[in-house]
Amino acid sequence: MTILFFTLFLYFSTPSINDITGIWLNPEKTRSIRIFENNGKFYGIMHWIGEPEPKLKKGQLVLKNLVFEGGYFKNGQAYTPTYGWVACDARLTNRQLHLTGHKFGIARTRIFLQSSD
């Protein structure tokens, strides 16, 4: 019985490849990105910007080349106004997207909330 419960838990808690697609809001709710799949890789564009940011425009590519492997999204690049393009990985938990950027040996994770739109 314990093995069955554990197996069901893993099945329902493991993200599927398309769970990342859709619109994601930053925690401050000042901007959102739309993530989509193209040829097995995932990309994100600025969907909405509430606070003006000179280096970000609606429709601008801000996430590219993420691939789904072993339950995680890996080997992508994310654009930040401060650092430009940085290496990134992502994981999903409870309708939250944990996007981690890496540059110069420093990692920073931002948590985005799945939008109902």
C-alpha atoms as a PDB file:
ATOM      1  CA  MET A   1       0.000   0.000   0.000  1.00  0.00           C
ATOM      2  CA  THR A   2       2.846   2.394   0.838  1.00  0.00           C
ATOM      3  CA  ILE A   3       4.496   1.755  -2.532  1.00  0.00           C
ATOM      4  CA  LEU A   4       1.233   2.475  -4.354  1.00  0.00           C
ATOM      5  CA  PHE A   5       0.745   5.753  -2.459  1.00  0.00           C
ATOM      6  CA  PHE A   6       4.346   6.824  -3.135  1.00  0.00           C
ATOM      7  CA  THR A   7       4.015   5.959  -6.841  1.00  0.00           C
ATOM      8  CA  LEU A   8       0.782   7.953  -7.136  1.00  0.00           C
ATOM      9  CA  PHE A   9       2.376  10.879  -5.288  1.00  0.00           C
ATOM     10  CA  LEU A  10       5.328  10.933  -7.699  1.00  0.00           C
ATOM     11  CA  TYR A  11       3.030  10.657 -10.714  1.00  0.00           C
ATOM     12  CA  PHE A  12       0.834  13.591  -9.699  1.00  0.00           C
ATOM     13  CA  SER A  13       3.672  15.802  -8.377  1.00  0.00           C
ATOM     14  CA  THR A  14       6.032  15.404 -11.345  1.00  0.00           C
ATOM     15  CA  PRO A  15       5.579  18.227 -13.847  1.00  0.00           C
ATOM     16  CA  SER A  16       4.806  17.353 -17.413  1.00  0.00           C
ATOM     17  CA  ILE A  17       6.577  18.952 -20.311  1.00  0.00           C
ATOM     18  CA  ASN A  18       3.741  21.370 -21.167  1.00  0.00           C
ATOM     19  CA  ASP A  19       3.044  22.587 -17.617  1.00  0.00           C
ATOM     20  CA  ILE A  20       5.492  25.438 -18.186  1.00  0.00           C
ATOM     21  CA  THR A  21       3.557  26.888 -21.123  1.00  0.00           C
ATOM     22  CA  GLY A  22       1.293  29.833 -20.445  1.00  0.00           C
ATOM     23  CA  ILE A  23       1.489  33.205 -18.768  1.00  0.00           C
ATOM     24  CA  TRP A  24       3.566  33.757 -15.616  1.00  0.00           C
ATOM     25  CA  LEU A  25       3.506  36.836 -13.335  1.00  0.00           C
ATOM     26  CA  ASN A  26       6.494  38.078 -11.356  1.00  0.00           C
ATOM     27  CA  PRO A  27       5.920  38.279  -7.556  1.00  0.00           C
ATOM     28  CA  GLU A  28       5.522  42.064  -7.640  1.00  0.00           C
ATOM     29  CA  LYS A  29       2.860  41.674 -10.369  1.00  0.00           C
ATOM     30  CA  THR A  30       4.595  44.357 -12.432  1.00  0.00           C
ATOM     31  CA  ARG A  31       5.215  42.194 -15.509  1.00  0.00           C
ATOM     32  CA  SER A  32       4.411  38.840 -17.025  1.00  0.00           C
ATOM     33  CA  ILE A  33       5.979  36.491 -19.543  1.00  0.00           C
ATOM     34  CA  ARG A  34       4.297  34.087 -21.946  1.00  0.00           C
ATOM     35  CA  ILE A  35       6.156  30.794 -22.319  1.00  0.00           C
ATOM     36  CA  PHE A  36       5.639  28.599 -25.367  1.00  0.00           C
ATOM     37  CA  GLU A  37       7.224  25.539 -26.973  1.00  0.00           C
ATOM     38  CA  ASN A  38       8.847  25.466 -30.411  1.00  0.00           C
ATOM     39  CA  ASN A  39      10.645  22.380 -31.781  1.00  0.00           C
ATOM     40  CA  GLY A  40      11.165  20.835 -28.348  1.00  0.00           C
ATOM     41  CA  LYS A  41      12.566  23.994 -26.721  1.00  0.00           C
ATOM     42  CA  PHE A  42      10.802  26.562 -24.599  1.00  0.00           C
ATOM     43  CA  TYR A  43      10.856  30.314 -25.114  1.00  0.00           C
ATOM     44  CA  GLY A  44       9.364  33.265 -23.278  1.00  0.00           C
ATOM     45  CA  ILE A  45       8.359  36.738 -24.409  1.00  0.00           C
ATOM     46  CA  MET A  46       7.302  39.780 -22.418  1.00  0.00           C
ATOM     47  CA  HIS A  47       3.527  39.578 -22.305  1.00  0.00           C
ATOM     48  CA  TRP A  48       2.699  42.579 -20.130  1.00  0.00           C
ATOM     49  CA  ILE A  49       4.732  45.317 -18.443  1.00  0.00           C
ATOM     50  CA  GLY A  50       3.056  47.355 -15.709  1.00  0.00           C
ATOM     51  CA  GLU A  51       6.086  49.370 -14.639  1.00  0.00           C
ATOM     52  CA  PRO A  52       8.038  50.979 -17.479  1.00  0.00           C
ATOM     53  CA  GLU A  53      11.478  49.454 -17.979  1.00  0.00           C
ATOM     54  CA  PRO A  54      13.671  50.978 -20.691  1.00  0.00           C
ATOM     55  CA  LYS A  55      15.386  47.664 -21.492  1.00  0.00           C
ATOM     56  CA  LEU A  56      12.176  45.605 -21.734  1.00  0.00           C
ATOM     57  CA  LYS A  57       9.443  45.849 -24.354  1.00  0.00           C
ATOM     58  CA  LYS A  58       6.201  43.938 -24.856  1.00  0.00           C
ATOM     59  CA  GLY A  59       6.843  41.016 -27.215  1.00  0.00           C
ATOM     60  CA  GLN A  60      10.591  40.982 -26.482  1.00  0.00           C
ATOM     61  CA  LEU A  61      12.264  37.566 -26.200  1.00  0.00           C
ATOM     62  CA  VAL A  62      13.394  37.103 -22.574  1.00  0.00           C
ATOM     63  CA  LEU A  63      13.729  33.308 -22.294  1.00  0.00           C
ATOM     64  CA  LYS A  64      15.170  30.913 -24.849  1.00  0.00           C
ATOM     65  CA  ASN A  65      16.349  27.354 -25.471  1.00  0.00           C
ATOM     66  CA  LEU A  66      15.032  25.698 -22.281  1.00  0.00           C
ATOM     67  CA  VAL A  67      14.806  21.936 -22.701  1.00  0.00           C
ATOM     68  CA  PHE A  68      12.860  19.479 -20.541  1.00  0.00           C
ATOM     69  CA  GLU A  69      15.045  16.680 -19.219  1.00  0.00           C
ATOM     70  CA  GLY A  70      14.638  14.462 -16.179  1.00  0.00           C
ATOM     71  CA  GLY A  71      11.683  16.408 -14.811  1.00  0.00           C
ATOM     72  CA  TYR A  72      13.459  19.770 -15.013  1.00  0.00           C
ATOM     73  CA  PHE A  73      13.914  22.517 -17.553  1.00  0.00           C
ATOM     74  CA  LYS A  74      17.627  23.025 -18.286  1.00  0.00           C
ATOM     75  CA  ASN A  75      20.246  24.716 -20.442  1.00  0.00           C
ATOM     76  CA  GLY A  76      18.250  27.845 -21.249  1.00  0.00           C
ATOM     77  CA  GLN A  77      19.062  31.526 -21.274  1.00  0.00           C
ATOM     78  CA  ALA A  78      17.107  34.341 -19.633  1.00  0.00           C
ATOM     79  CA  TYR A  79      17.418  38.058 -20.316  1.00  0.00           C
ATOM     80  CA  THR A  80      17.739  40.433 -17.375  1.00  0.00           C
ATOM     81  CA  PRO A  81      17.916  44.226 -17.719  1.00  0.00           C
ATOM     82  CA  THR A  82      20.907  44.289 -15.350  1.00  0.00           C
ATOM     83  CA  TYR A  83      23.090  41.453 -16.708  1.00  0.00           C
ATOM     84  CA  GLY A  84      21.819  40.788 -20.223  1.00  0.00           C
ATOM     85  CA  TRP A  85      21.582  37.099 -21.188  1.00  0.00           C
ATOM     86  CA  VAL A  86      22.378  34.619 -18.408  1.00  0.00           C
ATOM     87  CA  ALA A  87      22.284  30.817 -18.245  1.00  0.00           C
ATOM     88  CA  CYS A  88      19.115  29.524 -16.605  1.00  0.00           C
ATOM     89  CA  ASP A  89      17.259  26.465 -15.401  1.00  0.00           C
ATOM     90  CA  ALA A  90      13.678  26.149 -14.196  1.00  0.00           C
ATOM     91  CA  ARG A  91      11.484  23.904 -12.111  1.00  0.00           C
ATOM     92  CA  LEU A  92       7.769  23.855 -11.377  1.00  0.00           C
ATOM     93  CA  THR A  93       6.088  23.389  -8.016  1.00  0.00           C
ATOM     94  CA  ASN A  94       2.458  24.102  -7.105  1.00  0.00           C
ATOM     95  CA  ARG A  95       1.702  26.505  -9.971  1.00  0.00           C
ATOM     96  CA  GLN A  96       4.972  28.336  -9.339  1.00  0.00           C
ATOM     97  CA  LEU A  97       7.843  28.663 -11.787  1.00  0.00           C
ATOM     98  CA  HIS A  98      11.240  28.804 -10.103  1.00  0.00           C
ATOM     99  CA  LEU A  99      13.554  30.367 -12.691  1.00  0.00           C
ATOM    100  CA  THR A 100      17.227  30.368 -11.677  1.00  0.00           C
ATOM    101  CA  GLY A 101      19.766  32.470 -13.548  1.00  0.00           C
ATOM    102  CA  HIS A 102      23.508  31.779 -13.351  1.00  0.00           C
ATOM    103  CA  LYS A 103      26.320  34.189 -14.189  1.00  0.00           C
ATOM    104  CA  PHE A 104      29.894  34.482 -12.892  1.00  0.00           C
ATOM    105  CA  GLY A 105      29.266  31.640 -10.426  1.00  0.00           C
ATOM    106  CA  ILE A 106      26.352  33.456  -8.796  1.00  0.00           C
ATOM    107  CA  ALA A 107      22.814  32.075  -8.946  1.00  0.00           C
ATOM    108  CA  ARG A 108      19.568  33.953  -8.352  1.00  0.00           C
ATOM    109  CA  THR A 109      16.103  32.415  -8.343  1.00  0.00           C
ATOM    110  CA  ARG A 110      12.928  34.323  -9.161  1.00  0.00           C
ATOM    111  CA  ILE A 111       9.545  32.753  -8.509  1.00  0.00           C
ATOM    112  CA  PHE A 112       6.762  33.441 -11.004  1.00  0.00           C
ATOM    113  CA  LEU A 113       3.104  32.694 -10.360  1.00  0.00           C
ATOM    114  CA  GLN A 114       0.936  31.055 -12.983  1.00  0.00           C
ATOM    115  CA  SER A 115      -1.641  33.481 -14.303  1.00  0.00           C
ATOM    116  CA  SER A 116      -5.260  32.467 -14.709  1.00  0.00           C
ATOM    117  CA  ASP A 117      -5.443  34.424 -18.029  1.00  0.00           C
END
